[in-house]
Amino acid sequence: MSRPPSGPANILDLLSKHRSSEAIALVHGDQSISYQRMLDASERISSVVMSYGAGPERTVALCLERSSELVFSVFGILKAGA
């Protein structure tokens, strides 16, 4: 039986590999967002949602238009463990 290839455990691990990178991670309209900016924003959001009680086994609702903020928020909620 073959083993799956080793690599990042999840998408957050994959993104974190590019932490210091100014490479473009997201393009929305005329905005180009670097990995660094995306990770910084998602960490801020993670702190905020955790201060409201988000975490493992908790449900977090999210209602945003398609935008870079939506992507930041999804990653922030994932970082909070919710």
Protein backbone atom coordinates (compact mmCIF):
# COMPACT_ATOMS: atom_id res chain seq x y z
CA MET A 1 0.00 0.00 0.00
CA SER A 2 1.46 3.36 -0.96
CA ARG A 3 1.64 6.28 1.43
CA PRO A 4 0.26 9.68 0.49
CA PRO A 5 2.91 12.25 -0.35
CA SER A 6 4.10 14.25 2.61
CA GLY A 7 3.24 17.90 2.54
CA PRO A 8 1.25 20.56 4.29
CA ALA A 9 -1.40 19.22 6.65
CA ASN A 10 -3.97 21.79 5.54
CA ILE A 11 -4.42 25.00 3.60
CA LEU A 12 -3.26 27.16 6.52
CA ASP A 13 0.05 25.29 6.59
CA LEU A 14 0.40 25.80 2.85
CA LEU A 15 -0.20 29.55 3.17
CA SER A 16 2.15 29.85 6.14
CA LYS A 17 5.00 28.52 3.99
CA HIS A 18 4.80 31.83 2.11
CA ARG A 19 4.66 34.03 5.25
CA SER A 20 7.49 36.37 4.28
CA SER A 21 6.63 36.34 0.62
CA GLU A 22 5.54 39.43 -1.22
CA ALA A 23 4.36 37.13 -4.01
CA ILE A 24 0.78 37.66 -5.09
CA ALA A 25 -1.63 35.31 -3.32
CA LEU A 26 -4.94 36.84 -4.36
CA VAL A 27 -6.20 39.06 -7.14
CA HIS A 28 -9.65 40.60 -6.91
CA GLY A 29 -10.61 43.29 -9.38
CA ASP A 30 -7.76 45.77 -9.46
CA GLN A 31 -6.38 44.60 -6.08
CA SER A 32 -3.33 42.34 -5.81
CA ILE A 33 -2.79 40.95 -2.32
CA SER A 34 0.50 39.42 -1.17
CA TYR A 35 0.73 36.31 0.99
CA GLN A 36 2.15 38.47 3.78
CA ARG A 37 -0.78 40.89 3.73
CA MET A 38 -3.32 38.07 3.51
CA LEU A 39 -1.80 36.23 6.47
CA ASP A 40 -1.54 39.41 8.56
CA ALA A 41 -5.20 40.26 7.89
CA SER A 42 -6.39 36.73 8.63
CA GLU A 43 -4.47 36.72 11.93
CA ARG A 44 -6.15 39.98 12.98
CA ILE A 45 -9.56 38.53 12.15
CA SER A 46 -8.72 35.33 13.99
CA SER A 47 -7.95 37.32 17.15
CA VAL A 48 -11.22 39.20 16.90
CA VAL A 49 -13.42 36.14 16.37
CA MET A 50 -11.65 34.30 19.20
CA SER A 51 -12.37 37.25 21.50
CA TYR A 52 -16.06 36.62 20.74
CA GLY A 53 -15.73 32.95 21.65
CA ALA A 54 -14.90 31.32 18.32
CA GLY A 55 -12.85 28.16 18.54
CA PRO A 56 -13.03 24.40 18.16
CA GLU A 57 -16.56 22.98 18.09
CA ARG A 58 -18.01 26.48 17.60
CA THR A 59 -19.96 27.66 14.57
CA VAL A 60 -19.13 31.03 13.05
CA ALA A 61 -21.48 32.66 10.55
CA LEU A 62 -20.04 34.74 7.76
CA CYS A 63 -21.99 36.92 5.33
CA LEU A 64 -19.88 39.05 3.01
CA GLU A 65 -19.88 39.94 -0.65
CA ARG A 66 -17.14 38.37 -2.77
CA SER A 67 -14.05 40.33 -1.85
CA SER A 68 -10.56 40.01 -0.47
CA GLU A 69 -12.10 40.56 2.99
CA LEU A 70 -14.17 37.42 2.50
CA VAL A 71 -11.02 35.40 1.87
CA PHE A 72 -9.24 36.99 4.87
CA SER A 73 -12.25 36.20 7.05
CA VAL A 74 -12.47 32.55 5.98
CA PHE A 75 -8.80 32.04 6.77
CA GLY A 76 -9.15 33.95 10.06
CA ILE A 77 -12.02 31.71 11.15
CA LEU A 78 -10.04 28.62 10.19
CA LYS A 79 -7.07 29.92 12.20
CA ALA A 80 -9.38 30.35 15.20
CA GLY A 81 -10.12 26.65 14.94
CA ALA A 82 -13.83 27.10 14.30
